[in-house]
Amino acid sequence: MSKLTKQKRGQIFNALLIVGTIVAVLYIGAANGNISDAWNAMLTAKPVWVAGAFLSWCACVLFETLVLHSFLAMQKVPVRFGTSLLVTLLGIFYCNVTPGASGGQPMQVYAYKKRGISPGLTSSGMAVKFFCYQLGLLIPAAVMWFCNRSFVAEHMTDSRWFVYLGFIVNGLGVVAVVLLSISKNLVRGILTLTVKLLARLHIVKDEARTVSHLDAALNDFNASVDMMVHHPFKLLFLVILSAGQMHALVAILYFVARAIGIDGFSYGQLVTLAYLLFIGASFAPLPGGSGAQEGGFYLFYQNIFPADKLLGGLLLWRFLNYYLPIILTLVFGVILDSTRTMRGKIRPIASGKAPQPDVRSPGEETEAAVDASSD
């Protein structure tokens, strides 16, 4: 019998983590005698509100697709919207099944590469998308937290550290971009020192290779920062799209609450807690934040959902914002893309010619490409 590769072992481990989380949640529910109540809560959920939750997820996908598609349009890359949608679905699937959502962006870069788009350009786009994602998440969350601060204080007495840590971890990405806009050498020095420290702790095995990969990523990131500095209004547009994406995602919880009969709280109150839950669980290095999302739900919503509906609400919410998306993106993203690849139906854009970079500096090249899109 052939030995499993490291990649296969990782895939099996991730699958076991996801399944294990489901089993653990069901076991806790059974131990507390809540399984029958949970089942009843899901069976009696109002279809209109469940449909609203599904449409909210669809809106999330649409906004994320628009971020990718708009960035490429700014670079005068003639990609069809359907292609951007397919690449978005690929990214969502691999984000959901890899630890820390680490597999989504590399697969999107690869998918665009198969279609003749330069990996350097798409890597730069992913960097812009990451920055916009962080701002589109943290700013609305902070504003809604401030507007509903008394409500949050009442329902988050023992779990504030969870949210504070999430804000810090997610905010580091924004800080990194700001530092990079000030000094690329400063960021390179910090990363090199970090890698050396991790190598001494035997966490990083190949120090030179890791530094080389980080340096390549830093070059892509630097071109992205140049675009963001010189074209703030285009950046603002992408941040607004990212904010729409994140709001649609967290709003799923409101629809779930209404579906199972929770109507004593306002939209703003429930969505505020959903933002904070997402931020707090986002740093968990597990596929889809498994474990952290479920545990956070109990912490944040135990005084909002009645005891006989808490487990049912959790299961319905996770099905609609995690497990169903995995199924849908597997079918309409991964399998569809693989089928088209095997049948040879993927054609490079621009009549088979990939966009070729000119000899200008990264800053001039990015600025010229973005300016051209507004002509």
Protein backbone atom coordinates (compact mmCIF):
# COMPACT_ATOMS: atom_id res chain seq x y z
CA MET A 1 0.00 0.00 0.00
CA SER A 2 1.47 3.35 -1.03
CA LYS A 3 2.36 5.84 1.68
CA LEU A 4 0.14 8.91 2.00
CA THR A 5 1.72 12.15 0.87
CA LYS A 6 2.01 15.11 3.22
CA GLN A 7 -0.72 16.92 1.28
CA LYS A 8 -3.10 13.96 1.53
CA ARG A 9 -2.43 13.62 5.25
CA GLY A 10 -3.19 17.32 5.67
CA GLN A 11 -6.47 16.99 3.76
CA ILE A 12 -7.52 14.00 5.87
CA PHE A 13 -6.61 15.84 9.07
CA ASN A 14 -8.63 18.91 8.04
CA ALA A 15 -11.64 16.74 7.16
CA LEU A 16 -11.41 15.00 10.53
CA LEU A 17 -11.31 18.37 12.30
CA ILE A 18 -14.48 19.49 10.55
CA VAL A 19 -16.30 16.22 11.23
CA GLY A 20 -14.94 16.15 14.78
CA THR A 21 -16.39 19.58 15.49
CA ILE A 22 -19.84 18.44 14.36
CA VAL A 23 -19.60 15.33 16.53
CA ALA A 24 -18.45 17.36 19.55
CA VAL A 25 -21.33 19.83 19.20
CA LEU A 26 -23.87 17.01 18.88
CA TYR A 27 -22.33 15.19 21.85
CA ILE A 28 -22.58 18.27 24.06
CA GLY A 29 -26.17 18.75 22.92
CA ALA A 30 -27.01 15.13 23.69
CA ALA A 31 -25.37 15.36 27.12
CA ASN A 32 -27.54 18.36 27.93
CA GLY A 33 -30.67 16.71 26.54
CA ASN A 34 -31.04 19.33 23.79
CA ILE A 35 -30.93 17.18 20.67
CA SER A 36 -34.70 16.77 20.34
CA ASP A 37 -35.21 20.51 21.00
CA ALA A 38 -32.57 21.37 18.40
CA TRP A 39 -34.14 19.09 15.84
CA ASN A 40 -37.56 20.61 16.50
CA ALA A 41 -36.17 24.16 16.23
CA MET A 42 -34.66 23.41 12.81
CA LEU A 43 -37.77 21.61 11.52
CA THR A 44 -40.03 24.48 12.54
CA ALA A 45 -37.72 27.21 11.18
CA LYS A 46 -39.62 29.69 9.00
CA PRO A 47 -38.70 29.06 5.34
CA VAL A 48 -38.84 32.75 4.39
CA TRP A 49 -36.13 33.65 6.89
CA VAL A 50 -34.03 30.61 5.97
CA ALA A 51 -34.25 31.74 2.34
CA GLY A 52 -33.16 35.20 3.48
CA ALA A 53 -30.09 33.68 5.13
CA PHE A 54 -29.20 31.83 1.93
CA LEU A 55 -29.66 34.97 -0.18
CA SER A 56 -27.44 36.83 2.27
CA TRP A 57 -24.68 34.29 1.62
CA CYS A 58 -25.24 34.71 -2.13
CA ALA A 59 -24.83 38.48 -1.70
CA CYS A 60 -21.56 37.82 0.14
CA VAL A 61 -20.31 35.79 -2.85
CA LEU A 62 -21.42 38.51 -5.26
CA PHE A 63 -19.58 41.26 -3.39
CA GLU A 64 -16.39 39.18 -3.14
CA THR A 65 -16.58 38.46 -6.87
CA LEU A 66 -16.97 42.17 -7.57
CA VAL A 67 -13.81 42.92 -5.56
CA LEU A 68 -11.73 40.55 -7.68
CA HIS A 69 -13.38 41.51 -10.94
CA SER A 70 -13.11 45.24 -10.29
CA PHE A 71 -9.42 45.03 -9.47
CA LEU A 72 -8.69 43.21 -12.74
CA ALA A 73 -10.86 45.69 -14.64
CA MET A 74 -8.77 48.49 -13.14
CA GLN A 75 -5.74 46.75 -14.61
CA LYS A 76 -7.42 46.52 -18.05
CA VAL A 77 -7.52 42.70 -17.88
CA PRO A 78 -10.47 41.47 -20.01
CA VAL A 79 -11.84 38.77 -17.71
CA ARG A 80 -15.48 37.69 -17.92
CA PHE A 81 -17.59 38.10 -14.80
CA GLY A 82 -18.40 34.36 -14.89
CA THR A 83 -14.69 33.57 -14.65
CA SER A 84 -14.28 35.84 -11.64
CA LEU A 85 -17.31 34.16 -10.03
CA LEU A 86 -15.82 30.70 -10.58
CA VAL A 87 -12.48 31.79 -9.11
CA THR A 88 -14.30 33.28 -6.12
CA LEU A 89 -16.09 29.98 -5.47
CA LEU A 90 -12.75 28.15 -5.66
CA GLY A 91 -11.30 30.52 -3.10
CA ILE A 92 -14.24 30.13 -0.72
CA PHE A 93 -13.99 26.33 -0.84
CA TYR A 94 -10.26 26.20 -0.13
CA CYS A 95 -10.53 28.89 2.56
CA ASN A 96 -13.16 26.77 4.31
CA VAL A 97 -11.22 23.49 4.23
CA THR A 98 -7.68 24.69 5.04
CA PRO A 99 -6.32 25.91 8.40
CA GLY A 100 -6.45 29.66 8.79
CA ALA A 101 -8.07 29.98 5.34
CA SER A 102 -4.55 29.59 3.95
CA GLY A 103 -5.47 27.73 0.76
CA GLY A 104 -7.96 30.12 -0.80
CA GLN A 105 -5.78 32.83 -2.32
CA PRO A 106 -3.05 30.52 -3.71
CA MET A 107 -5.75 28.50 -5.52
CA GLN A 108 -7.25 31.70 -6.92
CA VAL A 109 -3.85 32.81 -8.22
CA TYR A 110 -3.38 29.39 -9.82
CA ALA A 111 -6.87 29.46 -11.36
CA TYR A 112 -6.19 32.84 -12.96
CA LYS A 113 -2.77 31.63 -14.11
CA LYS A 114 -4.44 28.79 -16.04
CA ARG A 115 -6.40 31.48 -17.84
CA GLY A 116 -3.27 33.35 -18.87
CA ILE A 117 -3.19 36.06 -16.19
CA SER A 118 0.19 36.85 -14.66
CA PRO A 119 0.62 35.41 -11.13
CA GLY A 120 2.43 38.63 -10.18
CA LEU A 121 -0.64 40.66 -11.12
CA THR A 122 -3.12 38.39 -9.36
CA SER A 123 -0.89 38.10 -6.28
CA SER A 124 -0.88 41.87 -6.15
CA GLY A 125 -4.67 41.78 -6.47
CA MET A 126 -4.93 39.30 -3.60
CA ALA A 127 -2.85 41.63 -1.45
CA VAL A 128 -5.20 44.53 -2.23
CA LYS A 129 -8.18 42.26 -1.57
CA PHE A 130 -6.72 41.22 1.80
CA PHE A 131 -6.20 44.84 2.87
CA CYS A 132 -9.72 45.83 1.77
CA TYR A 133 -11.14 42.76 3.52
CA GLN A 134 -9.54 43.76 6.82
CA LEU A 135 -10.80 47.33 6.61
CA GLY A 136 -14.23 46.20 5.42
CA LEU A 137 -14.45 43.97 8.49
CA LEU A 138 -12.86 45.98 11.28
CA ILE A 139 -14.30 49.45 10.59
CA PRO A 140 -18.01 48.45 10.40
CA ALA A 141 -17.54 46.14 13.39
CA ALA A 142 -16.00 48.91 15.48
CA VAL A 143 -18.73 51.38 14.48
CA MET A 144 -21.54 48.95 15.28
CA TRP A 145 -19.87 48.00 18.56
CA PHE A 146 -19.77 51.68 19.55
CA CYS A 147 -23.41 52.23 18.55
CA ASN A 148 -24.54 49.18 20.55
CA ARG A 149 -21.94 49.32 23.32
CA SER A 150 -24.37 48.95 26.23
CA PHE A 151 -26.00 45.91 24.63
CA VAL A 152 -22.60 44.34 23.90
CA ALA A 153 -21.40 45.00 27.44
CA GLU A 154 -24.48 43.23 28.80
CA HIS A 155 -24.00 40.10 26.67
CA MET A 156 -20.20 39.89 26.52
CA THR A 157 -19.13 40.06 30.14
CA ASP A 158 -16.74 37.07 30.05
CA SER A 159 -15.67 36.98 26.42
CA ARG A 160 -14.26 40.41 25.65
CA TRP A 161 -10.69 39.05 25.53
CA PHE A 162 -11.87 36.85 22.64
CA VAL A 163 -12.85 39.93 20.63
CA TYR A 164 -9.87 42.09 21.68
CA LEU A 165 -7.47 39.40 20.52
CA GLY A 166 -9.34 39.10 17.23
CA PHE A 167 -9.11 42.85 16.62
CA ILE A 168 -5.38 42.77 17.34
CA VAL A 169 -4.66 39.81 15.05
CA ASN A 170 -6.75 41.18 12.17
CA GLY A 171 -5.41 44.68 12.70
CA LEU A 172 -1.83 43.47 12.24
CA GLY A 173 -2.54 43.06 8.52
CA VAL A 174 -3.52 46.73 8.25
CA VAL A 175 -0.46 47.77 10.25
CA ALA A 176 1.78 45.70 7.96
CA VAL A 177 0.45 47.52 4.87
CA VAL A 178 0.96 50.92 6.55
CA LEU A 179 4.53 49.99 7.49
CA LEU A 180 5.15 48.76 3.96
CA SER A 181 3.99 52.09 2.54
CA ILE A 182 6.54 53.78 4.83
CA SER A 183 9.52 51.47 4.39
CA LYS A 184 9.80 48.17 2.55
CA ASN A 185 13.20 47.52 4.13
CA LEU A 186 11.73 47.91 7.62
CA VAL A 187 9.10 45.26 6.91
CA ARG A 188 11.69 42.95 5.33
CA GLY A 189 13.88 43.30 8.43
CA ILE A 190 10.99 42.48 10.76
CA LEU A 191 10.02 39.42 8.72
CA THR A 192 13.62 38.18 8.54
CA LEU A 193 14.07 38.49 12.30
CA THR A 194 10.75 36.70 12.88
CA VAL A 195 11.77 33.82 10.61
CA LYS A 196 15.14 33.51 12.35
CA LEU A 197 13.40 33.35 15.73
CA LEU A 198 10.99 30.69 14.49
CA ALA A 199 13.91 28.74 13.02
CA ARG A 200 15.67 28.73 16.39
CA LEU A 201 12.47 27.46 17.97
CA HIS A 202 12.41 24.71 15.29
CA ILE A 203 9.04 25.93 14.01
CA VAL A 204 10.53 26.91 10.63
CA LYS A 205 12.65 24.14 9.10
CA ASP A 206 14.17 25.84 6.05
CA GLU A 207 15.06 29.41 7.02
CA ALA A 208 16.55 30.47 3.65
CA ARG A 209 13.64 29.11 1.63
CA THR A 210 11.08 30.75 3.92
CA VAL A 211 12.83 34.13 3.70
CA SER A 212 12.96 33.79 -0.10
CA HIS A 213 9.21 33.08 -0.31
CA LEU A 214 8.43 36.00 1.99
CA ASP A 215 10.62 38.30 -0.06
CA ALA A 216 8.77 37.34 -3.26
CA ALA A 217 5.44 37.95 -1.54
CA LEU A 218 6.76 41.27 -0.27
CA ASN A 219 7.52 42.41 -3.82
CA ASP A 220 3.94 41.64 -4.90
CA PHE A 221 2.63 43.40 -1.82
CA ASN A 222 4.79 46.43 -2.51
CA ALA A 223 3.23 46.89 -5.96
CA SER A 224 -0.21 46.68 -4.32
CA VAL A 225 0.69 49.27 -1.71
CA ASP A 226 1.84 51.59 -4.49
CA MET A 227 -1.59 51.36 -6.09
CA MET A 228 -3.35 51.99 -2.78
CA VAL A 229 -1.23 55.05 -2.00
CA HIS A 230 -1.60 56.66 -5.44
CA HIS A 231 -5.27 55.79 -6.08
CA PRO A 232 -7.19 56.17 -2.78
CA PHE A 233 -10.61 56.55 -4.41
CA LYS A 234 -10.25 53.29 -6.31
CA LEU A 235 -9.13 51.69 -3.06
CA LEU A 236 -12.15 53.16 -1.26
CA PHE A 237 -14.45 51.60 -3.85
CA LEU A 238 -12.92 48.17 -3.21
CA VAL A 239 -13.18 48.68 0.57
CA ILE A 240 -16.89 49.48 0.23
CA LEU A 241 -17.41 46.26 -1.77
CA SER A 242 -15.50 44.31 0.89
CA ALA A 243 -17.64 45.87 3.61
CA GLY A 244 -20.73 44.72 1.72
CA GLN A 245 -19.25 41.22 1.51
CA MET A 246 -18.60 41.02 5.24
CA HIS A 247 -21.94 42.53 6.23
CA ALA A 248 -23.82 40.03 4.08
CA LEU A 249 -21.88 37.19 5.71
CA VAL A 250 -22.51 38.19 9.33
CA ALA A 251 -26.15 39.09 8.58
CA ILE A 252 -26.85 35.37 8.10
CA LEU A 253 -27.07 35.06 11.87
CA TYR A 254 -29.88 37.61 12.06
CA PHE A 255 -31.94 35.66 9.51
CA VAL A 256 -31.31 32.42 11.42
CA ALA A 257 -32.46 34.02 14.67
CA ARG A 258 -35.68 35.22 13.05
CA ALA A 259 -36.18 31.84 11.37
CA ILE A 260 -36.40 30.06 14.72
CA GLY A 261 -38.54 32.72 16.38
CA ILE A 262 -36.06 35.11 18.04
CA ASP A 263 -37.64 38.53 17.54
CA GLY A 264 -36.97 40.44 20.76
CA PHE A 265 -33.74 42.05 19.52
CA SER A 266 -33.01 44.53 16.77
CA TYR A 267 -31.12 43.84 13.55
CA GLY A 268 -28.24 46.05 14.69
CA GLN A 269 -27.87 44.26 18.03
CA LEU A 270 -27.76 40.75 16.58
CA VAL A 271 -25.47 41.72 13.68
CA THR A 272 -23.09 43.55 16.02
CA LEU A 273 -22.56 40.38 18.03
CA ALA A 274 -22.16 38.45 14.78
CA TYR A 275 -19.37 40.83 13.69
CA LEU A 276 -17.58 40.45 17.02
CA LEU A 277 -17.99 36.68 16.95
CA PHE A 278 -16.51 36.50 13.45
CA ILE A 279 -13.55 38.68 14.42
CA GLY A 280 -12.92 36.75 17.61
CA ALA A 281 -12.99 33.36 15.88
CA SER A 282 -11.12 34.41 12.74
CA PHE A 283 -7.64 33.91 14.21
CA ALA A 284 -8.31 30.26 15.09
CA PRO A 285 -5.87 28.15 12.96
CA LEU A 286 -8.53 25.59 12.06
CA PRO A 287 -10.58 25.08 8.89
CA GLY A 288 -13.46 27.56 8.90
CA GLY A 289 -12.65 28.52 12.48
CA SER A 290 -14.17 25.19 13.53
CA GLY A 291 -14.51 24.97 17.28
CA ALA A 292 -13.93 28.68 17.82
CA GLN A 293 -17.08 29.62 15.88
CA GLU A 294 -19.25 27.11 17.72
CA GLY A 295 -17.79 27.95 21.13
CA GLY A 296 -18.11 31.66 20.43
CA PHE A 297 -21.74 31.21 19.46
CA TYR A 298 -22.49 29.70 22.88
CA LEU A 299 -20.64 32.53 24.65
CA PHE A 300 -22.24 35.35 22.69
CA TYR A 301 -25.80 34.10 22.21
CA GLN A 302 -26.54 31.99 25.30
CA ASN A 303 -28.59 34.85 26.79
CA ILE A 304 -30.33 35.64 23.51
CA PHE A 305 -31.42 32.24 22.23
CA PRO A 306 -33.67 30.29 24.64
CA ALA A 307 -32.09 27.10 25.95
CA ASP A 308 -34.37 24.92 23.81
CA LYS A 309 -33.36 26.81 20.64
CA LEU A 310 -29.66 27.51 21.27
CA LEU A 311 -28.30 24.29 19.77
CA GLY A 312 -30.80 24.36 16.91
CA GLY A 313 -29.82 27.94 16.08
CA LEU A 314 -26.14 27.02 16.17
CA LEU A 315 -26.56 24.02 13.86
CA LEU A 316 -28.75 25.91 11.39
CA TRP A 317 -26.38 28.88 11.37
CA ARG A 318 -23.27 26.76 10.77
CA PHE A 319 -25.02 24.79 8.07
CA LEU A 320 -25.98 27.95 6.19
CA ASN A 321 -22.72 29.87 6.59
CA TYR A 322 -20.22 26.99 6.42
CA TYR A 323 -21.30 23.45 5.49
CA LEU A 324 -23.74 24.34 2.71
CA PRO A 325 -21.19 26.77 1.16
CA ILE A 326 -18.60 23.96 1.17
CA ILE A 327 -21.00 21.74 -0.77
CA LEU A 328 -22.01 24.45 -3.23
CA THR A 329 -18.48 25.71 -3.89
CA LEU A 330 -17.24 22.14 -4.28
CA VAL A 331 -19.84 21.44 -6.98
CA PHE A 332 -19.94 24.80 -8.77
CA GLY A 333 -16.32 25.75 -8.17
CA VAL A 334 -13.84 22.91 -7.72
CA ILE A 335 -15.58 20.19 -9.73
CA LEU A 336 -16.68 22.55 -12.50
CA ASP A 337 -13.18 24.03 -12.84
CA SER A 338 -11.56 20.57 -12.82
CA THR A 339 -14.02 19.30 -15.44
CA ARG A 340 -13.40 22.26 -17.72
CA THR A 341 -9.65 21.82 -17.30
CA MET A 342 -9.76 18.12 -18.20
CA ARG A 343 -11.92 18.85 -21.26
CA GLY A 344 -9.59 21.59 -22.41
CA LYS A 345 -12.29 24.24 -22.27
CA ILE A 346 -10.16 26.78 -20.43
CA ARG A 347 -8.67 29.30 -22.83
CA PRO A 348 -6.18 32.06 -21.99
CA ILE A 349 -7.68 35.53 -22.13
CA ALA A 350 -6.95 38.11 -24.84
CA SER A 351 -6.83 35.57 -27.70
CA GLY A 352 -4.44 33.30 -25.90
CA LYS A 353 -1.98 36.02 -24.87
CA ALA A 354 -1.38 36.78 -21.24
CA PRO A 355 -0.87 40.42 -20.26
CA GLN A 356 2.82 41.29 -20.48
CA PRO A 357 4.36 43.71 -17.98
CA ASP A 358 6.34 46.62 -19.40
CA VAL A 359 9.81 47.68 -18.34
CA ARG A 360 8.70 50.43 -15.99
CA SER A 361 9.06 50.21 -12.24
CA PRO A 362 6.32 48.40 -10.27
CA GLY A 363 4.90 51.73 -9.09
CA GLU A 364 4.78 53.26 -12.57
CA GLU A 365 3.36 50.06 -14.07
CA THR A 366 0.58 49.79 -11.51
CA GLU A 367 -0.30 53.46 -11.73
CA ALA A 368 -0.41 53.42 -15.52
CA ALA A 369 -2.62 50.33 -15.58
CA VAL A 370 -5.08 51.78 -13.08
CA ASP A 371 -5.17 55.17 -14.81
CA ALA A 372 -5.91 53.48 -18.11
CA SER A 373 -9.02 51.87 -16.69
CA SER A 374 -10.58 55.27 -16.08
CA ASP A 375 -10.14 56.47 -19.68
